[in-house]
Amino acid sequence: MLRRFTLTSFALLLLVGMPLQAADWTGWITDEHCAAKGASEGHKGCALKCADGGAALVFYNPADEKVYKLSDQAAAKANVGHKVKVVGTLEGETITVESISEVKAE
């Protein structure tokens, strides 16, 4: 019984203490009001206007069709209207951004 408790406690400590691993996603920067509807180059002007009006910029991931909050609004604003690669860690519905870079057309 004590051995099982010790092993379980050790496993939980490992899981809690593990650092989050960086991941990357490809999609679009848009504003929180339009979200998936604004996932295009043509939406840049509208997204910037909304951002200037106080709306948050978000990341739309077409692979899972979800919208994620972004920790770095300045990097997001610099990449509105472009297909981008976001590198960072996901916690809940927020990506803690390490970098955002434009994905060049093939």
C-alpha atoms as a PDB file:
ATOM      1  CA  MET A   1       0.000   0.000   0.000  1.00  0.00           C
ATOM      2  CA  LEU A   2       2.769   2.436   0.919  1.00  0.00           C
ATOM      3  CA  ARG A   3       4.682   1.529  -2.222  1.00  0.00           C
ATOM      4  CA  ARG A   4       1.640   2.208  -4.432  1.00  0.00           C
ATOM      5  CA  PHE A   5       1.105   5.572  -2.702  1.00  0.00           C
ATOM      6  CA  THR A   6       4.767   6.502  -3.181  1.00  0.00           C
ATOM      7  CA  LEU A   7       4.754   5.566  -6.868  1.00  0.00           C
ATOM      8  CA  THR A   8       1.507   7.463  -7.484  1.00  0.00           C
ATOM      9  CA  SER A   9       2.825  10.535  -5.671  1.00  0.00           C
ATOM     10  CA  PHE A  10       6.057  10.429  -7.664  1.00  0.00           C
ATOM     11  CA  ALA A  11       4.178  10.138 -10.962  1.00  0.00           C
ATOM     12  CA  LEU A  12       1.960  13.111 -10.079  1.00  0.00           C
ATOM     13  CA  LEU A  13       4.982  15.212  -9.153  1.00  0.00           C
ATOM     14  CA  LEU A  14       6.571  14.430 -12.496  1.00  0.00           C
ATOM     15  CA  LEU A  15       3.440  15.436 -14.396  1.00  0.00           C
ATOM     16  CA  VAL A  16       2.962  18.658 -12.468  1.00  0.00           C
ATOM     17  CA  GLY A  17       6.619  19.602 -12.706  1.00  0.00           C
ATOM     18  CA  MET A  18       6.988  18.935 -16.420  1.00  0.00           C
ATOM     19  CA  PRO A  19       7.556  22.084 -18.460  1.00  0.00           C
ATOM     20  CA  LEU A  20       5.129  22.790 -21.273  1.00  0.00           C
ATOM     21  CA  GLN A  21       6.468  21.872 -24.680  1.00  0.00           C
ATOM     22  CA  ALA A  22       6.394  24.428 -27.468  1.00  0.00           C
ATOM     23  CA  ALA A  23       4.221  23.580 -30.448  1.00  0.00           C
ATOM     24  CA  ASP A  24       3.340  25.299 -33.695  1.00  0.00           C
ATOM     25  CA  TRP A  25       0.144  25.970 -35.594  1.00  0.00           C
ATOM     26  CA  THR A  26      -0.586  27.365 -39.047  1.00  0.00           C
ATOM     27  CA  GLY A  27      -3.569  29.623 -39.625  1.00  0.00           C
ATOM     28  CA  TRP A  28      -4.707  33.247 -39.578  1.00  0.00           C
ATOM     29  CA  ILE A  29      -4.579  36.234 -37.259  1.00  0.00           C
ATOM     30  CA  THR A  30      -7.999  37.888 -37.086  1.00  0.00           C
ATOM     31  CA  ASP A  31     -10.054  39.920 -34.633  1.00  0.00           C
ATOM     32  CA  GLU A  32     -12.147  38.355 -31.884  1.00  0.00           C
ATOM     33  CA  HIS A  33     -15.419  39.712 -33.314  1.00  0.00           C
ATOM     34  CA  CYS A  34     -15.101  38.116 -36.758  1.00  0.00           C
ATOM     35  CA  ALA A  35     -12.958  35.131 -35.706  1.00  0.00           C
ATOM     36  CA  ALA A  36     -13.149  32.386 -38.369  1.00  0.00           C
ATOM     37  CA  LYS A  37     -15.048  34.674 -40.789  1.00  0.00           C
ATOM     38  CA  GLY A  38     -11.999  36.955 -40.831  1.00  0.00           C
ATOM     39  CA  ALA A  39      -9.472  34.270 -41.715  1.00  0.00           C
ATOM     40  CA  SER A  40      -8.265  35.766 -44.995  1.00  0.00           C
ATOM     41  CA  GLU A  41      -6.002  38.399 -46.518  1.00  0.00           C
ATOM     42  CA  GLY A  42      -9.020  40.508 -47.439  1.00  0.00           C
ATOM     43  CA  HIS A  43     -10.007  40.944 -43.797  1.00  0.00           C
ATOM     44  CA  LYS A  44      -6.845  42.799 -42.769  1.00  0.00           C
ATOM     45  CA  GLY A  45      -8.342  46.312 -42.779  1.00  0.00           C
ATOM     46  CA  CYS A  46     -11.378  45.304 -40.750  1.00  0.00           C
ATOM     47  CA  ALA A  47      -9.301  43.366 -38.206  1.00  0.00           C
ATOM     48  CA  LEU A  48      -6.933  46.293 -37.708  1.00  0.00           C
ATOM     49  CA  LYS A  49      -9.856  48.694 -37.291  1.00  0.00           C
ATOM     50  CA  CYS A  50     -11.396  46.413 -34.668  1.00  0.00           C
ATOM     51  CA  ALA A  51      -8.038  46.037 -32.896  1.00  0.00           C
ATOM     52  CA  ASP A  52      -7.602  49.810 -32.825  1.00  0.00           C
ATOM     53  CA  GLY A  53     -11.083  49.975 -31.300  1.00  0.00           C
ATOM     54  CA  GLY A  54     -10.077  47.646 -28.454  1.00  0.00           C
ATOM     55  CA  ALA A  55     -10.877  44.185 -29.826  1.00  0.00           C
ATOM     56  CA  ALA A  56      -8.320  41.470 -29.178  1.00  0.00           C
ATOM     57  CA  LEU A  57      -6.516  39.829 -32.060  1.00  0.00           C
ATOM     58  CA  VAL A  58      -6.848  36.054 -32.070  1.00  0.00           C
ATOM     59  CA  PHE A  59      -5.494  33.061 -33.978  1.00  0.00           C
ATOM     60  CA  TYR A  60      -7.840  30.951 -36.106  1.00  0.00           C
ATOM     61  CA  ASN A  61      -6.596  27.412 -36.647  1.00  0.00           C
ATOM     62  CA  PRO A  62      -8.331  25.866 -39.676  1.00  0.00           C
ATOM     63  CA  ALA A  63      -7.023  22.396 -38.749  1.00  0.00           C
ATOM     64  CA  ASP A  64      -9.261  22.151 -35.684  1.00  0.00           C
ATOM     65  CA  GLU A  65     -11.551  25.091 -36.563  1.00  0.00           C
ATOM     66  CA  LYS A  66     -10.888  26.762 -33.199  1.00  0.00           C
ATOM     67  CA  VAL A  67     -10.044  30.314 -32.205  1.00  0.00           C
ATOM     68  CA  TYR A  68      -7.259  30.888 -29.678  1.00  0.00           C
ATOM     69  CA  LYS A  69      -6.341  33.972 -27.657  1.00  0.00           C
ATOM     70  CA  LEU A  70      -2.791  35.243 -28.155  1.00  0.00           C
ATOM     71  CA  SER A  71      -0.493  36.532 -25.417  1.00  0.00           C
ATOM     72  CA  ASP A  72       1.489  38.829 -27.747  1.00  0.00           C
ATOM     73  CA  GLN A  73      -0.869  41.343 -29.341  1.00  0.00           C
ATOM     74  CA  ALA A  74       1.971  43.388 -30.898  1.00  0.00           C
ATOM     75  CA  ALA A  75       3.303  40.374 -32.832  1.00  0.00           C
ATOM     76  CA  ALA A  76      -0.249  39.480 -33.821  1.00  0.00           C
ATOM     77  CA  LYS A  77      -0.945  42.996 -35.121  1.00  0.00           C
ATOM     78  CA  ALA A  78       2.213  42.896 -37.248  1.00  0.00           C
ATOM     79  CA  ASN A  79       0.919  39.737 -38.967  1.00  0.00           C
ATOM     80  CA  VAL A  80      -2.774  40.474 -39.556  1.00  0.00           C
ATOM     81  CA  GLY A  81      -3.867  39.552 -43.068  1.00  0.00           C
ATOM     82  CA  HIS A  82      -1.222  36.878 -43.567  1.00  0.00           C
ATOM     83  CA  LYS A  83      -1.267  33.138 -43.231  1.00  0.00           C
ATOM     84  CA  VAL A  84       1.047  32.587 -40.264  1.00  0.00           C
ATOM     85  CA  LYS A  85       2.892  30.019 -38.220  1.00  0.00           C
ATOM     86  CA  VAL A  86       2.500  30.576 -34.473  1.00  0.00           C
ATOM     87  CA  VAL A  87       5.021  28.947 -32.135  1.00  0.00           C
ATOM     88  CA  GLY A  88       4.266  28.803 -28.439  1.00  0.00           C
ATOM     89  CA  THR A  89       2.614  26.872 -25.655  1.00  0.00           C
ATOM     90  CA  LEU A  90      -1.096  26.244 -25.353  1.00  0.00           C
ATOM     91  CA  GLU A  91      -2.763  26.603 -21.969  1.00  0.00           C
ATOM     92  CA  GLY A  92      -6.525  26.265 -22.151  1.00  0.00           C
ATOM     93  CA  GLU A  93      -7.673  28.526 -24.979  1.00  0.00           C
ATOM     94  CA  THR A  94      -4.619  30.835 -24.912  1.00  0.00           C
ATOM     95  CA  ILE A  95      -1.353  30.494 -26.810  1.00  0.00           C
ATOM     96  CA  THR A  96       1.631  31.984 -25.010  1.00  0.00           C
ATOM     97  CA  VAL A  97       3.453  33.221 -28.097  1.00  0.00           C
ATOM     98  CA  GLU A  98       7.148  32.602 -28.704  1.00  0.00           C
ATOM     99  CA  SER A  99       7.004  33.774 -32.317  1.00  0.00           C
ATOM    100  CA  ILE A 100       4.648  34.537 -35.189  1.00  0.00           C
ATOM    101  CA  SER A 101       5.924  34.398 -38.754  1.00  0.00           C
ATOM    102  CA  GLU A 102       4.306  34.719 -42.144  1.00  0.00           C
ATOM    103  CA  VAL A 103       3.897  31.549 -44.178  1.00  0.00           C
ATOM    104  CA  LYS A 104       4.958  32.213 -47.763  1.00  0.00           C
ATOM    105  CA  ALA A 105       2.668  30.993 -50.526  1.00  0.00           C
ATOM    106  CA  GLU A 106       3.863  27.828 -52.221  1.00  0.00           C
END
